[in-house]
């Protein structure tokens, strides 16, 4: 966490971004789900809304872990080696309504030009996993509502 600000500045420079929105909790309309990507890149503006891309940053402390994460240079490799990060990026994209998400690995002690590495996730090629995630979240809501209903009935009986 302590290196995230530095990593995001490096990300901005490396990708030519002028502005990033950081530290925002995004709530998915009509659901109990929310997300907090490390940054949002505004790619388009409408009258009262934005089109965004999400950015998730990880700053491994060891050289070996940074190198291992850097070797995962596609969403498929990230899914295999670091599934929790893969699903985190997809969930952030889903909650934020983003078609593109970025996973950025950063280590400050590597030489300039090699400190950060970005993987871009695009919604369409990953559609099956987005469908799976949406279905699982719907199932979770159904289970939550069933438990809530049972608890309410039990409380009303007393």
N, C-alpha and C. Protein backbone atom coordinates (compact mmCIF):
# COMPACT_ATOMS: atom_id res chain seq x y z
N UNK A 1 0.83 -1.19 0.00
CA UNK A 1 0.00 0.00 0.00
C UNK A 1 0.88 1.26 0.00
N UNK A 2 2.00 1.21 0.71
CA UNK A 2 2.82 2.42 0.83
C UNK A 2 3.42 2.86 -0.50
N UNK A 3 3.55 1.96 -1.46
CA UNK A 3 4.14 2.32 -2.76
C UNK A 3 3.11 2.60 -3.84
N UNK A 4 1.82 2.47 -3.53
CA UNK A 4 0.80 2.61 -4.57
C UNK A 4 0.81 3.99 -5.23
N UNK A 5 0.97 5.05 -4.45
CA UNK A 5 1.01 6.40 -5.03
C UNK A 5 2.15 6.55 -6.02
N UNK A 6 3.32 6.08 -5.62
CA UNK A 6 4.49 6.11 -6.50
C UNK A 6 4.24 5.26 -7.75
N UNK A 7 3.66 4.09 -7.56
CA UNK A 7 3.36 3.20 -8.68
C UNK A 7 2.36 3.85 -9.65
N UNK A 8 1.35 4.53 -9.12
CA UNK A 8 0.36 5.18 -9.98
C UNK A 8 0.99 6.35 -10.75
N UNK A 9 1.90 7.09 -10.13
CA UNK A 9 2.60 8.16 -10.86
C UNK A 9 3.42 7.57 -12.01
N UNK A 10 4.09 6.47 -11.73
CA UNK A 10 4.88 5.78 -12.77
C UNK A 10 3.95 5.27 -13.89
N UNK A 11 2.80 4.73 -13.49
CA UNK A 11 1.81 4.25 -14.46
C UNK A 11 1.37 5.39 -15.38
N UNK A 12 1.08 6.55 -14.77
CA UNK A 12 0.63 7.71 -15.56
C UNK A 12 1.70 8.11 -16.57
N UNK A 13 2.94 8.19 -16.13
CA UNK A 13 4.03 8.58 -17.02
C UNK A 13 4.21 7.56 -18.14
N UNK A 14 4.23 6.29 -17.78
CA UNK A 14 4.47 5.22 -18.76
C UNK A 14 3.36 5.13 -19.81
N UNK A 15 2.14 5.53 -19.44
CA UNK A 15 1.00 5.37 -20.33
C UNK A 15 0.43 6.68 -20.85
N UNK A 16 1.11 7.78 -20.57
CA UNK A 16 0.69 9.08 -21.08
C UNK A 16 -0.62 9.58 -20.52
N UNK A 17 -0.97 9.16 -19.32
CA UNK A 17 -2.21 9.60 -18.69
C UNK A 17 -1.97 10.93 -17.98
N UNK A 18 -2.91 11.84 -18.09
CA UNK A 18 -2.78 13.12 -17.41
C UNK A 18 -3.48 13.12 -16.06
N UNK A 19 -4.58 12.40 -15.96
CA UNK A 19 -5.37 12.39 -14.73
C UNK A 19 -5.80 10.97 -14.39
N UNK A 20 -5.76 10.67 -13.13
CA UNK A 20 -6.32 9.43 -12.62
C UNK A 20 -7.20 9.78 -11.42
N UNK A 21 -8.32 9.10 -11.30
CA UNK A 21 -9.15 9.23 -10.10
C UNK A 21 -8.73 8.09 -9.19
N UNK A 22 -8.38 8.41 -7.94
CA UNK A 22 -7.91 7.36 -7.04
C UNK A 22 -8.72 7.33 -5.76
N UNK A 23 -8.64 6.17 -5.10
CA UNK A 23 -9.25 5.97 -3.78
C UNK A 23 -10.75 6.25 -3.76
N UNK A 24 -11.47 5.72 -4.73
CA UNK A 24 -12.92 5.88 -4.78
C UNK A 24 -13.60 4.53 -4.63
N UNK A 25 -14.62 4.49 -3.79
CA UNK A 25 -15.44 3.30 -3.67
C UNK A 25 -16.57 3.43 -4.68
N UNK A 26 -16.67 2.48 -5.58
CA UNK A 26 -17.69 2.50 -6.63
C UNK A 26 -18.76 1.48 -6.27
N UNK A 27 -20.00 1.92 -6.25
CA UNK A 27 -21.12 1.06 -5.89
C UNK A 27 -21.88 0.67 -7.16
N UNK A 28 -22.06 -0.63 -7.35
CA UNK A 28 -22.80 -1.12 -8.51
C UNK A 28 -24.28 -0.85 -8.30
N UNK A 29 -24.88 -0.08 -9.21
CA UNK A 29 -26.28 0.32 -9.07
C UNK A 29 -27.19 -0.88 -8.91
N UNK A 30 -28.11 -0.76 -7.95
CA UNK A 30 -29.13 -1.78 -7.75
C UNK A 30 -28.63 -3.04 -7.07
N UNK A 31 -27.40 -3.04 -6.57
CA UNK A 31 -26.89 -4.24 -5.90
C UNK A 31 -26.22 -3.85 -4.58
N UNK A 32 -25.78 -4.86 -3.88
CA UNK A 32 -25.04 -4.64 -2.63
C UNK A 32 -23.53 -4.64 -2.87
N UNK A 33 -23.10 -4.74 -4.14
CA UNK A 33 -21.69 -4.87 -4.45
C UNK A 33 -21.02 -3.53 -4.70
N UNK A 34 -19.77 -3.45 -4.29
CA UNK A 34 -18.98 -2.27 -4.57
C UNK A 34 -17.54 -2.69 -4.82
N UNK A 35 -16.74 -1.76 -5.28
CA UNK A 35 -15.36 -2.04 -5.61
C UNK A 35 -14.53 -0.80 -5.37
N UNK A 36 -13.24 -1.00 -5.15
CA UNK A 36 -12.35 0.14 -4.98
C UNK A 36 -11.07 -0.08 -5.78
N UNK A 37 -11.15 0.12 -7.10
CA UNK A 37 -9.92 0.01 -7.89
C UNK A 37 -8.92 1.05 -7.41
N UNK A 38 -7.65 0.79 -7.62
CA UNK A 38 -6.64 1.76 -7.20
C UNK A 38 -6.73 3.06 -7.98
N UNK A 39 -7.22 2.97 -9.21
CA UNK A 39 -7.41 4.18 -10.01
C UNK A 39 -8.43 3.93 -11.11
N UNK A 40 -9.02 5.03 -11.57
CA UNK A 40 -9.90 5.02 -12.74
C UNK A 40 -9.31 6.00 -13.74
N UNK A 41 -9.26 5.57 -14.99
CA UNK A 41 -8.84 6.45 -16.08
C UNK A 41 -10.12 6.85 -16.82
N UNK A 42 -10.37 8.14 -16.93
CA UNK A 42 -11.55 8.60 -17.67
C UNK A 42 -11.19 8.62 -19.14
N UNK A 43 -11.91 7.82 -19.93
CA UNK A 43 -11.61 7.73 -21.36
C UNK A 43 -12.63 8.46 -22.22
N UNK A 44 -13.79 8.80 -21.63
CA UNK A 44 -14.81 9.52 -22.38
C UNK A 44 -15.80 10.12 -21.37
N UNK A 45 -16.36 11.25 -21.71
CA UNK A 45 -17.36 11.86 -20.85
C UNK A 45 -18.64 12.09 -21.64
N UNK A 46 -19.75 11.90 -20.96
CA UNK A 46 -21.08 12.18 -21.51
C UNK A 46 -21.66 13.29 -20.65
N UNK A 47 -22.91 13.62 -20.89
CA UNK A 47 -23.54 14.69 -20.12
C UNK A 47 -23.42 14.50 -18.62
N UNK A 48 -23.79 13.31 -18.14
CA UNK A 48 -23.77 13.09 -16.70
C UNK A 48 -23.08 11.77 -16.31
N UNK A 49 -22.19 11.28 -17.18
CA UNK A 49 -21.50 10.03 -16.86
C UNK A 49 -20.12 9.99 -17.53
N UNK A 50 -19.36 9.01 -17.11
CA UNK A 50 -18.02 8.82 -17.64
C UNK A 50 -17.85 7.40 -18.14
N UNK A 51 -17.02 7.22 -19.15
CA UNK A 51 -16.54 5.89 -19.52
C UNK A 51 -15.14 5.79 -18.92
N UNK A 52 -14.90 4.70 -18.19
CA UNK A 52 -13.64 4.57 -17.47
C UNK A 52 -12.94 3.25 -17.78
N UNK A 53 -11.66 3.22 -17.47
CA UNK A 53 -10.88 1.99 -17.41
C UNK A 53 -10.39 1.88 -15.98
N UNK A 54 -10.36 0.66 -15.44
CA UNK A 54 -9.91 0.46 -14.07
C UNK A 54 -8.41 0.15 -14.05
N UNK A 55 -7.78 0.48 -12.93
CA UNK A 55 -6.36 0.18 -12.72
C UNK A 55 -6.21 -0.45 -11.34
N UNK A 56 -5.62 -1.63 -11.30
CA UNK A 56 -5.27 -2.29 -10.04
C UNK A 56 -3.75 -2.39 -9.97
N UNK A 57 -3.17 -1.98 -8.84
CA UNK A 57 -1.72 -1.95 -8.66
C UNK A 57 -1.31 -2.94 -7.57
N UNK A 58 -0.27 -3.68 -7.84
CA UNK A 58 0.36 -4.53 -6.82
C UNK A 58 1.84 -4.20 -6.80
N UNK A 59 2.40 -4.12 -5.60
CA UNK A 59 3.81 -3.78 -5.40
C UNK A 59 4.48 -4.86 -4.57
N UNK A 60 4.84 -5.98 -5.20
CA UNK A 60 5.50 -7.05 -4.44
C UNK A 60 6.80 -6.54 -3.81
N UNK A 61 7.08 -6.99 -2.61
CA UNK A 61 8.26 -6.51 -1.91
C UNK A 61 9.56 -7.17 -2.38
N UNK A 62 9.49 -8.41 -2.82
CA UNK A 62 10.72 -9.11 -3.22
C UNK A 62 10.92 -9.04 -4.74
N UNK A 63 12.18 -9.12 -5.12
CA UNK A 63 12.52 -9.15 -6.54
C UNK A 63 11.92 -10.38 -7.21
N UNK A 64 12.02 -11.51 -6.52
CA UNK A 64 11.54 -12.76 -7.12
C UNK A 64 10.03 -12.72 -7.36
N UNK A 65 9.27 -12.16 -6.41
CA UNK A 65 7.82 -12.09 -6.60
C UNK A 65 7.47 -11.09 -7.71
N UNK A 66 8.18 -9.97 -7.76
CA UNK A 66 7.95 -9.01 -8.83
C UNK A 66 8.21 -9.66 -10.19
N UNK A 67 9.33 -10.37 -10.29
CA UNK A 67 9.69 -11.03 -11.55
C UNK A 67 8.65 -12.08 -11.93
N UNK A 68 8.20 -12.84 -10.94
CA UNK A 68 7.18 -13.86 -11.19
C UNK A 68 5.88 -13.22 -11.70
N UNK A 69 5.47 -12.11 -11.06
CA UNK A 69 4.25 -11.45 -11.51
C UNK A 69 4.44 -10.83 -12.89
N UNK A 70 5.62 -10.30 -13.14
CA UNK A 70 5.91 -9.69 -14.44
C UNK A 70 5.85 -10.72 -15.57
N UNK A 71 6.19 -11.96 -15.27
CA UNK A 71 6.16 -13.03 -16.26
C UNK A 71 4.71 -13.36 -16.69
N UNK A 72 3.76 -13.04 -15.84
CA UNK A 72 2.35 -13.23 -16.19
C UNK A 72 1.93 -12.04 -17.04
N UNK A 73 2.14 -12.13 -18.32
CA UNK A 73 1.95 -10.96 -19.19
C UNK A 73 0.66 -11.00 -20.01
N UNK A 74 -0.24 -11.89 -19.66
CA UNK A 74 -1.56 -11.93 -20.30
C UNK A 74 -2.61 -12.22 -19.23
N UNK A 75 -3.86 -11.86 -19.49
CA UNK A 75 -4.91 -12.22 -18.52
C UNK A 75 -4.96 -13.74 -18.26
N UNK A 76 -4.76 -14.55 -19.28
CA UNK A 76 -4.82 -16.01 -19.10
C UNK A 76 -3.72 -16.49 -18.14
N UNK A 77 -2.53 -15.95 -18.28
CA UNK A 77 -1.44 -16.33 -17.37
C UNK A 77 -1.73 -15.83 -15.96
N UNK A 78 -2.29 -14.63 -15.84
CA UNK A 78 -2.64 -14.09 -14.52
C UNK A 78 -3.69 -14.97 -13.86
N UNK A 79 -4.66 -15.43 -14.65
CA UNK A 79 -5.72 -16.29 -14.12
C UNK A 79 -5.14 -17.59 -13.58
N UNK A 80 -4.16 -18.14 -14.29
CA UNK A 80 -3.55 -19.41 -13.88
C UNK A 80 -2.66 -19.24 -12.65
N UNK A 81 -1.81 -18.22 -12.63
CA UNK A 81 -0.82 -18.05 -11.55
C UNK A 81 -1.35 -17.27 -10.35
N UNK A 82 -2.21 -16.29 -10.61
CA UNK A 82 -2.73 -15.42 -9.55
C UNK A 82 -4.24 -15.23 -9.74
N UNK A 83 -5.02 -16.29 -9.55
CA UNK A 83 -6.46 -16.18 -9.83
C UNK A 83 -7.16 -15.10 -9.01
N UNK A 84 -6.72 -14.87 -7.79
CA UNK A 84 -7.40 -13.86 -6.97
C UNK A 84 -7.24 -12.48 -7.59
N UNK A 85 -6.09 -12.17 -8.19
CA UNK A 85 -5.88 -10.88 -8.85
C UNK A 85 -6.68 -10.80 -10.15
N UNK A 86 -6.73 -11.91 -10.87
CA UNK A 86 -7.49 -11.97 -12.11
C UNK A 86 -8.96 -11.62 -11.84
N UNK A 87 -9.56 -12.31 -10.87
CA UNK A 87 -10.98 -12.08 -10.57
C UNK A 87 -11.20 -10.71 -9.96
N UNK A 88 -10.21 -10.19 -9.25
CA UNK A 88 -10.32 -8.84 -8.68
C UNK A 88 -10.45 -7.81 -9.81
N UNK A 89 -9.61 -7.93 -10.84
CA UNK A 89 -9.68 -6.99 -11.97
C UNK A 89 -11.02 -7.12 -12.69
N UNK A 90 -11.47 -8.36 -12.93
CA UNK A 90 -12.76 -8.54 -13.62
C UNK A 90 -13.90 -7.96 -12.80
N UNK A 91 -13.89 -8.18 -11.50
CA UNK A 91 -14.95 -7.64 -10.65
C UNK A 91 -14.94 -6.12 -10.67
N UNK A 92 -13.76 -5.51 -10.61
CA UNK A 92 -13.67 -4.06 -10.67
C UNK A 92 -14.25 -3.55 -11.99
N UNK A 93 -13.90 -4.21 -13.08
CA UNK A 93 -14.44 -3.81 -14.38
C UNK A 93 -15.96 -3.94 -14.40
N UNK A 94 -16.47 -5.03 -13.86
CA UNK A 94 -17.92 -5.27 -13.85
C UNK A 94 -18.64 -4.20 -13.03
N UNK A 95 -18.15 -3.94 -11.83
CA UNK A 95 -18.80 -2.97 -10.96
C UNK A 95 -18.73 -1.56 -11.55
N UNK A 96 -17.60 -1.22 -12.16
CA UNK A 96 -17.41 0.13 -12.70
C UNK A 96 -17.96 0.30 -14.11
N UNK A 97 -18.46 -0.77 -14.71
CA UNK A 97 -18.98 -0.69 -16.07
C UNK A 97 -17.89 -0.42 -17.09
N UNK A 98 -16.69 -0.91 -16.82
CA UNK A 98 -15.54 -0.66 -17.71
C UNK A 98 -15.37 -1.80 -18.71
N UNK A 99 -15.03 -1.44 -19.92
CA UNK A 99 -14.73 -2.45 -20.94
C UNK A 99 -13.27 -2.87 -20.90
N UNK A 100 -12.44 -2.06 -20.24
CA UNK A 100 -11.01 -2.34 -20.15
C UNK A 100 -10.55 -2.14 -18.71
N UNK A 101 -9.69 -3.03 -18.26
CA UNK A 101 -9.07 -2.91 -16.95
C UNK A 101 -7.58 -3.19 -17.09
N UNK A 102 -6.80 -2.61 -16.19
CA UNK A 102 -5.35 -2.78 -16.24
C UNK A 102 -4.86 -3.31 -14.90
N UNK A 103 -3.92 -4.24 -14.97
CA UNK A 103 -3.23 -4.74 -13.79
C UNK A 103 -1.79 -4.28 -13.91
N UNK A 104 -1.32 -3.53 -12.92
CA UNK A 104 0.01 -2.94 -12.97
C UNK A 104 0.85 -3.43 -11.80
N UNK A 105 1.95 -4.10 -12.12
CA UNK A 105 2.89 -4.58 -11.12
C UNK A 105 4.06 -3.62 -11.08
N UNK A 106 4.49 -3.25 -9.86
CA UNK A 106 5.52 -2.22 -9.72
C UNK A 106 6.54 -2.59 -8.64
N UNK A 107 7.81 -2.31 -8.92
CA UNK A 107 8.88 -2.44 -7.93
C UNK A 107 9.85 -1.28 -8.12
N UNK A 108 10.03 -0.42 -7.10
CA UNK A 108 10.80 0.81 -7.26
C UNK A 108 12.31 0.61 -7.46
N UNK A 109 12.83 -0.56 -7.10
CA UNK A 109 14.27 -0.77 -7.17
C UNK A 109 14.75 -1.34 -8.50
N UNK A 110 13.82 -1.64 -9.39
CA UNK A 110 14.23 -2.10 -10.72
C UNK A 110 14.65 -0.88 -11.54
N UNK A 111 15.48 -1.07 -12.56
CA UNK A 111 15.93 0.07 -13.38
C UNK A 111 14.75 0.78 -14.04
N UNK A 112 14.92 2.07 -14.26
CA UNK A 112 13.89 2.86 -14.92
C UNK A 112 13.52 2.19 -16.24
N UNK A 113 12.24 2.16 -16.52
CA UNK A 113 11.74 1.48 -17.71
C UNK A 113 11.34 0.05 -17.43
N UNK A 114 11.79 -0.52 -16.32
CA UNK A 114 11.44 -1.89 -15.93
C UNK A 114 10.78 -1.97 -14.56
N UNK A 115 10.45 -0.83 -13.98
CA UNK A 115 9.86 -0.81 -12.64
C UNK A 115 8.41 -1.26 -12.64
N UNK A 116 7.73 -1.01 -13.75
CA UNK A 116 6.32 -1.35 -13.82
C UNK A 116 6.00 -2.19 -15.04
N UNK A 117 4.95 -2.97 -14.91
CA UNK A 117 4.51 -3.82 -16.02
C UNK A 117 2.98 -3.86 -16.01
N UNK A 118 2.38 -3.60 -17.18
CA UNK A 118 0.93 -3.53 -17.29
C UNK A 118 0.39 -4.70 -18.12
N UNK A 119 -0.70 -5.26 -17.65
CA UNK A 119 -1.48 -6.24 -18.41
C UNK A 119 -2.84 -5.60 -18.64
N UNK A 120 -3.30 -5.62 -19.87
CA UNK A 120 -4.61 -5.05 -20.18
C UNK A 120 -5.63 -6.18 -20.33
N UNK A 121 -6.74 -6.02 -19.63
CA UNK A 121 -7.86 -6.96 -19.69
C UNK A 121 -8.95 -6.31 -20.54
N UNK A 122 -9.46 -7.02 -21.53
CA UNK A 122 -10.55 -6.50 -22.36
C UNK A 122 -11.77 -7.39 -22.17
N UNK A 123 -12.91 -6.75 -22.01
CA UNK A 123 -14.14 -7.46 -21.65
C UNK A 123 -14.56 -8.51 -22.69
N UNK A 124 -14.55 -8.16 -23.96
CA UNK A 124 -15.10 -9.08 -24.97
C UNK A 124 -14.35 -10.41 -25.01
N UNK A 125 -13.01 -10.43 -25.07
CA UNK A 125 -12.33 -11.74 -25.08
C UNK A 125 -12.53 -12.54 -23.79
N UNK A 126 -12.89 -11.88 -22.72
CA UNK A 126 -13.08 -12.54 -21.43
C UNK A 126 -14.56 -12.69 -21.07
N UNK A 127 -15.42 -12.60 -22.08
CA UNK A 127 -16.86 -12.58 -21.87
C UNK A 127 -17.37 -13.75 -21.04
N UNK A 128 -16.87 -14.94 -21.30
CA UNK A 128 -17.35 -16.12 -20.56
C UNK A 128 -17.08 -15.98 -19.06
N UNK A 129 -15.93 -15.44 -18.71
CA UNK A 129 -15.62 -15.26 -17.29
C UNK A 129 -16.46 -14.13 -16.68
N UNK A 130 -16.76 -13.09 -17.45
CA UNK A 130 -17.65 -12.04 -16.96
C UNK A 130 -19.05 -12.60 -16.72
N UNK A 131 -19.52 -13.44 -17.62
CA UNK A 131 -20.83 -14.07 -17.47
C UNK A 131 -20.84 -14.95 -16.22
N UNK A 132 -19.78 -15.72 -16.04
CA UNK A 132 -19.65 -16.58 -14.86
C UNK A 132 -19.68 -15.75 -13.59
N UNK A 133 -18.91 -14.67 -13.55
CA UNK A 133 -18.85 -13.81 -12.37
C UNK A 133 -20.21 -13.19 -12.07
N UNK A 134 -20.87 -12.70 -13.10
CA UNK A 134 -22.21 -12.10 -12.91
C UNK A 134 -23.19 -13.12 -12.34
N UNK A 135 -23.13 -14.34 -12.87
CA UNK A 135 -24.02 -15.39 -12.39
C UNK A 135 -23.73 -15.72 -10.93
N UNK A 136 -22.46 -15.83 -10.57
CA UNK A 136 -22.09 -16.13 -9.19
C UNK A 136 -22.56 -15.03 -8.23
N UNK A 137 -22.43 -13.79 -8.67
CA UNK A 137 -22.87 -12.69 -7.82
C UNK A 137 -24.39 -12.72 -7.65
N UNK A 138 -25.12 -13.05 -8.70
CA UNK A 138 -26.58 -13.17 -8.60
C UNK A 138 -26.96 -14.29 -7.64
N UNK A 139 -26.24 -15.41 -7.72
CA UNK A 139 -26.49 -16.53 -6.81
C UNK A 139 -26.22 -16.11 -5.36
N UNK A 140 -25.17 -15.33 -5.15
CA UNK A 140 -24.84 -14.86 -3.80
C UNK A 140 -25.96 -13.97 -3.25
N UNK A 141 -26.52 -13.12 -4.10
CA UNK A 141 -27.61 -12.25 -3.68
C UNK A 141 -28.83 -13.08 -3.31
N UNK A 142 -29.14 -14.09 -4.12
CA UNK A 142 -30.27 -14.97 -3.83
C UNK A 142 -30.08 -15.67 -2.48
N UNK A 143 -28.88 -16.20 -2.25
CA UNK A 143 -28.61 -16.88 -0.97
C UNK A 143 -28.73 -15.90 0.19
N UNK A 144 -28.20 -14.70 0.03
CA UNK A 144 -28.29 -13.67 1.07
C UNK A 144 -29.75 -13.35 1.37
N UNK A 145 -30.56 -13.19 0.33
CA UNK A 145 -31.97 -12.86 0.52
C UNK A 145 -32.72 -14.00 1.22
N UNK A 146 -32.37 -15.24 0.90
CA UNK A 146 -33.00 -16.39 1.58
C UNK A 146 -32.66 -16.40 3.07
N UNK A 147 -31.39 -16.17 3.38
CA UNK A 147 -30.97 -16.13 4.79
C UNK A 147 -31.66 -14.97 5.50
N UNK A 148 -31.71 -13.84 4.86
CA UNK A 148 -32.36 -12.66 5.44
C UNK A 148 -33.84 -12.94 5.72
N UNK A 149 -34.50 -13.60 4.78
CA UNK A 149 -35.91 -13.94 4.93
C UNK A 149 -36.12 -14.88 6.13
N UNK A 150 -35.26 -15.89 6.27
CA UNK A 150 -35.37 -16.82 7.38
C UNK A 150 -35.11 -16.13 8.71
N UNK A 151 -34.11 -15.27 8.73
CA UNK A 151 -33.82 -14.54 9.98
C UNK A 151 -34.98 -13.63 10.35
N UNK A 152 -35.56 -12.98 9.38
CA UNK A 152 -36.70 -12.09 9.64
C UNK A 152 -37.88 -12.87 10.20
N UNK A 153 -38.15 -14.05 9.60
CA UNK A 153 -39.23 -14.90 10.10
C UNK A 153 -38.97 -15.33 11.53
N UNK A 154 -37.74 -15.73 11.84
CA UNK A 154 -37.41 -16.17 13.19
C UNK A 154 -37.52 -15.04 14.20
N UNK A 155 -37.13 -13.86 13.82
CA UNK A 155 -37.22 -12.69 14.71
C UNK A 155 -38.69 -12.34 14.95
N UNK A 156 -39.51 -12.42 13.91
CA UNK A 156 -40.94 -12.10 14.05
C UNK A 156 -41.67 -13.13 14.88
N UNK A 157 -41.21 -14.38 14.92
CA UNK A 157 -41.83 -15.43 15.74
C UNK A 157 -41.61 -15.17 17.22
N UNK A 158 -40.49 -14.57 17.54
CA UNK A 158 -40.15 -14.34 18.96
C UNK A 158 -40.90 -13.22 19.52
